[in-house]
Amino acid sequence: MRLLYDLFERVSDFGSSVLRPAGWLFVVWLSGMIAKLEAVQGEWYPDWHSVPSAMGWSFANLFSFFGFHKRYFGEEELNAVLQVTGGVQTVAGFILLFFLGLGLRNRFRLR
């Protein structure tokens, strides 16, 4: 249980921080973008024509409830690494967005 409390403190400062979950959302988004670029090109540094597609793919995985993934990336074949990355991004997106909303609620709560 102590590990979960420590993780909750590091990620969201016990629900009182807005910047920590936003920063972690950015880190998860950036790591998914780099994973997509590496899987498509074989190296992590970009061919600049594939960067917008990788950014969109990572955003669509992170915020899967918007439905962008089915509309723009539905027919794309993915290897196992990208499937795992997409799953981790989807779960992390829900959790981090909840923490972001919790921080906003605590920030603007009337006392």
Protein backbone atom coordinates (compact mmCIF):
# COMPACT_ATOMS: atom_id res chain seq x y z
CA MET A 1 0.00 0.00 0.00
CA ARG A 2 2.87 2.34 0.72
CA LEU A 3 3.99 2.08 -2.92
CA LEU A 4 0.58 3.24 -4.14
CA TYR A 5 0.61 6.22 -1.77
CA ASP A 6 4.12 7.18 -2.89
CA LEU A 7 3.09 6.91 -6.55
CA PHE A 8 -0.03 9.02 -5.92
CA GLU A 9 2.13 11.64 -4.22
CA ARG A 10 4.69 11.75 -7.05
CA VAL A 11 2.14 11.90 -9.84
CA SER A 12 -0.42 14.32 -8.39
CA ASP A 13 0.78 15.58 -4.98
CA PHE A 14 -2.21 13.87 -3.36
CA GLY A 15 -4.64 15.51 -5.79
CA SER A 16 -3.62 19.10 -5.15
CA SER A 17 -1.27 19.67 -8.10
CA VAL A 18 -2.29 20.62 -11.62
CA LEU A 19 1.18 20.81 -13.15
CA ARG A 20 2.34 17.33 -12.16
CA PRO A 21 -0.41 15.40 -14.00
CA ALA A 22 -0.09 17.78 -16.98
CA GLY A 23 3.65 17.19 -17.05
CA TRP A 24 3.19 13.43 -16.85
CA LEU A 25 0.61 13.61 -19.67
CA PHE A 26 3.24 15.38 -21.77
CA VAL A 27 5.87 12.76 -20.91
CA VAL A 28 3.54 9.87 -21.80
CA TRP A 29 2.52 11.62 -25.03
CA LEU A 30 6.16 12.27 -25.99
CA SER A 31 7.24 8.69 -25.23
CA GLY A 32 4.44 7.31 -27.40
CA MET A 33 5.42 9.63 -30.22
CA ILE A 34 9.06 8.49 -30.02
CA ALA A 35 8.01 4.83 -29.91
CA LYS A 36 5.89 5.31 -33.04
CA LEU A 37 8.73 7.07 -34.87
CA GLU A 38 11.17 4.33 -33.91
CA ALA A 39 8.79 1.58 -35.01
CA VAL A 40 8.05 3.21 -38.36
CA GLN A 41 11.55 4.38 -39.24
CA GLY A 42 13.86 2.16 -37.23
CA GLU A 43 15.42 5.11 -35.40
CA TRP A 44 14.02 7.60 -32.95
CA TYR A 45 15.14 10.78 -34.72
CA PRO A 46 12.44 11.83 -37.13
CA ASP A 47 11.90 12.04 -40.80
CA TRP A 48 9.98 15.29 -40.50
CA HIS A 49 7.12 14.08 -42.69
CA SER A 50 6.13 11.36 -40.23
CA VAL A 51 6.22 13.51 -37.06
CA PRO A 52 2.62 14.86 -37.31
CA SER A 53 1.29 11.35 -37.82
CA ALA A 54 3.23 10.05 -34.80
CA MET A 55 2.04 13.00 -32.71
CA GLY A 56 -1.56 12.34 -33.71
CA TRP A 57 -1.25 8.61 -33.03
CA SER A 58 0.12 9.25 -29.56
CA PHE A 59 -2.59 11.84 -28.80
CA ALA A 60 -5.30 9.48 -30.05
CA ASN A 61 -4.03 6.72 -27.75
CA LEU A 62 -3.69 9.04 -24.78
CA PHE A 63 -7.23 10.43 -25.12
CA SER A 64 -8.95 7.41 -26.65
CA PHE A 65 -12.41 8.47 -25.45
CA PHE A 66 -12.45 11.24 -28.11
CA GLY A 67 -12.54 8.58 -30.86
CA PHE A 68 -9.73 9.93 -33.05
CA HIS A 69 -7.98 6.57 -33.21
CA LYS A 70 -10.83 4.79 -34.98
CA ARG A 71 -11.34 7.61 -37.42
CA TYR A 72 -7.76 8.27 -38.48
CA PHE A 73 -5.73 5.19 -37.54
CA GLY A 74 -8.21 2.31 -37.78
CA GLU A 75 -6.73 0.40 -40.69
CA GLU A 76 -3.11 0.68 -39.60
CA GLU A 77 -1.16 -2.52 -38.79
CA LEU A 78 0.78 -2.29 -35.52
CA ASN A 79 3.50 -4.51 -34.14
CA ALA A 80 3.39 -5.84 -30.57
CA VAL A 81 5.49 -3.01 -29.13
CA LEU A 82 3.13 -0.36 -30.48
CA GLN A 83 0.10 -2.29 -29.26
CA VAL A 84 1.52 -2.42 -25.74
CA THR A 85 2.53 1.25 -25.94
CA GLY A 86 -0.97 2.18 -27.07
CA GLY A 87 -2.55 0.20 -24.23
CA VAL A 88 -0.30 1.78 -21.61
CA GLN A 89 -1.01 5.22 -23.03
CA THR A 90 -4.76 4.63 -22.93
CA VAL A 91 -4.75 3.53 -19.29
CA ALA A 92 -2.31 6.27 -18.26
CA GLY A 93 -4.39 8.86 -20.12
CA PHE A 94 -7.52 8.03 -18.13
CA ILE A 95 -5.67 8.05 -14.81
CA LEU A 96 -3.68 11.22 -15.46
CA LEU A 97 -6.70 13.08 -16.79
CA PHE A 98 -8.57 12.12 -13.61
CA PHE A 99 -5.67 13.45 -11.52
CA LEU A 100 -5.64 16.64 -13.58
CA GLY A 101 -9.37 17.13 -12.97
CA LEU A 102 -8.89 16.39 -9.27
CA GLY A 103 -6.17 19.04 -9.08
CA LEU A 104 -8.36 21.57 -10.89
CA ARG A 105 -11.24 20.79 -8.55
CA ASN A 106 -9.06 21.29 -5.51
CA ARG A 107 -7.55 24.46 -6.96
CA PHE A 108 -10.90 26.18 -7.58
CA ARG A 109 -12.87 24.76 -4.66
CA LEU A 110 -14.79 27.38 -2.70
CA ARG A 111 -14.01 27.31 0.99
